[in-house]
Structures are given as structure tokens and as C-alpha cells.
Amino acid sequence: MKIQVYGPGCGSCKQLHEHTLKAIKELGKDIEVEYITDISKIVELGVMSSPVLVIDDRVAAAGNVPSVENIKKMIEGKKEDKDDSSPKGGCSCGGKC
């Protein structure tokens, strides 16, 4: 399995990376997470908001920070629960990056 977190390095991007690492640990999986801050790579994805979680070359989440539980479901291939705790639309750092 290949997991990548894309983002310019803002707080939300770092939080998504941390949530992803925690989800993997809680699942007992040995999966490396690549954290990509290169803006040109983010643009190549064609996603207009960050942070972005990519699992096996498919965008799993963009523009928000899913909960650890939802990331675990994404990794396991289950449907994500609605989680309104994260900001939506644009960069979830609120324009601070």
C-alpha cells in the first residue's frame, strides 16, 4: 500500500500527516507515509485545496483533515463517516500558509 500526504507544510497539513501515522499505528500496519510539500507535485494532482491524502494513487481526502478513525476506514477500504469537525474548502489553515 502506498500512502502520501500532500500540502505546503501548514498546520493542517502536518495534522493530516500525524493523523495518518496514528491511524497506521493503531491498525498495526507497517506502511510508510510520504509527506510531499512540493507545490508542483500538488498541482499535478489537479486538486485545488490542501491538505490531500492519497491512498494507492487515489485522492482519499482533500481540503480537510479527516479524523484518525476515518483515515483508518479509508486505509481498510471502508466508506468514510461524515465528519464535520474539520474545516472544509480551500486550505484548511485558514489562509495562514
Protein backbone atom coordinates (compact mmCIF):
# COMPACT_ATOMS: atom_id res chain seq x y z
CA MET A 1 0.00 0.00 0.00
CA LYS A 2 1.19 3.49 -0.87
CA ILE A 3 0.09 6.49 1.22
CA GLN A 4 1.01 10.11 0.58
CA VAL A 5 0.12 13.37 2.29
CA TYR A 6 0.39 16.48 0.12
CA GLY A 7 0.44 20.02 1.46
CA PRO A 8 2.55 23.17 1.65
CA GLY A 9 3.57 22.48 5.25
CA CYS A 10 0.85 24.37 7.12
CA GLY A 11 -0.54 23.23 10.45
CA SER A 12 -3.45 21.35 8.87
CA CYS A 13 -1.11 19.50 6.53
CA LYS A 14 1.09 18.47 9.43
CA GLN A 15 -2.00 17.41 11.38
CA LEU A 16 -3.15 15.21 8.47
CA HIS A 17 0.29 13.60 8.39
CA GLU A 18 0.15 12.97 12.16
CA HIS A 19 -3.42 11.56 11.96
CA THR A 20 -2.34 9.26 9.14
CA LEU A 21 0.66 7.97 11.07
CA LYS A 22 -1.52 7.38 14.14
CA ALA A 23 -4.13 5.53 12.07
CA ILE A 24 -1.48 3.24 10.62
CA LYS A 25 -0.04 2.55 14.07
CA GLU A 26 -3.49 1.80 15.53
CA LEU A 27 -4.19 -0.61 12.67
CA GLY A 28 -0.89 -2.36 13.34
CA LYS A 29 0.23 -1.87 9.76
CA ASP A 30 3.76 -1.30 8.51
CA ILE A 31 3.13 1.35 5.86
CA GLU A 32 5.43 4.23 5.02
CA VAL A 33 3.78 7.63 4.58
CA GLU A 34 5.37 10.03 2.13
CA TYR A 35 4.88 13.71 3.05
CA ILE A 36 5.10 15.89 -0.08
CA THR A 37 5.39 19.68 0.20
CA ASP A 38 6.47 20.37 -3.39
CA ILE A 39 3.81 22.71 -4.81
CA SER A 40 4.38 21.47 -8.38
CA LYS A 41 3.56 17.91 -7.26
CA ILE A 42 0.37 19.14 -5.55
CA VAL A 43 -0.64 20.96 -8.75
CA GLU A 44 -0.01 17.78 -10.77
CA LEU A 45 -2.70 16.06 -8.68
CA GLY A 46 -5.26 18.53 -10.01
CA VAL A 47 -6.60 19.16 -6.52
CA MET A 48 -7.49 22.76 -5.71
CA SER A 49 -7.35 22.56 -1.91
CA SER A 50 -4.98 21.13 0.64
CA PRO A 51 -4.13 19.09 2.59
CA VAL A 52 -4.54 15.99 0.42
CA LEU A 53 -4.46 12.34 1.44
CA VAL A 54 -3.66 9.90 -1.37
CA ILE A 55 -4.01 6.15 -0.89
CA ASP A 56 -2.76 3.87 -3.65
CA ASP A 57 -2.66 6.76 -6.15
CA ARG A 58 -6.28 7.82 -5.46
CA VAL A 59 -7.25 11.02 -3.68
CA ALA A 60 -8.98 9.88 -0.49
CA ALA A 61 -9.45 13.33 1.10
CA ALA A 62 -8.76 16.91 0.06
CA GLY A 63 -9.23 20.25 1.77
CA ASN A 64 -9.83 18.85 5.24
CA VAL A 65 -8.28 16.77 7.99
CA PRO A 66 -10.25 13.56 8.48
CA SER A 67 -10.34 12.01 11.94
CA VAL A 68 -7.98 9.16 12.76
CA GLU A 69 -10.97 6.80 12.70
CA ASN A 70 -11.98 7.90 9.21
CA ILE A 71 -8.42 7.54 7.93
CA LYS A 72 -8.36 4.01 9.33
CA LYS A 73 -11.55 3.25 7.38
CA MET A 74 -10.03 4.72 4.23
CA ILE A 75 -6.94 2.56 4.63
CA GLU A 76 -9.09 -0.51 5.16
CA GLY A 77 -11.16 0.39 2.09
CA LYS A 78 -14.34 1.11 4.02
CA LYS A 79 -16.63 4.08 3.48
CA GLU A 80 -15.70 7.23 5.41
CA ASP A 81 -18.14 8.53 8.03
CA LYS A 82 -19.29 12.12 7.74
CA ASP A 83 -17.02 14.16 10.00
CA ASP A 84 -17.94 17.82 10.35
CA SER A 85 -15.17 18.60 12.82
CA SER A 86 -12.70 19.69 10.13
CA PRO A 87 -12.79 22.90 8.13
CA LYS A 88 -13.88 22.47 4.52
CA GLY A 89 -12.96 24.30 1.33
CA GLY A 90 -9.65 25.87 0.44
CA CYS A 91 -6.63 25.35 2.57
CA SER A 92 -7.84 24.36 5.99
CA CYS A 93 -5.17 26.51 7.62
CA GLY A 94 -7.50 29.49 7.10
CA GLY A 95 -5.13 31.24 4.72
CA LYS A 96 -2.16 31.23 7.10
CA CYS A 97 0.17 29.33 4.79
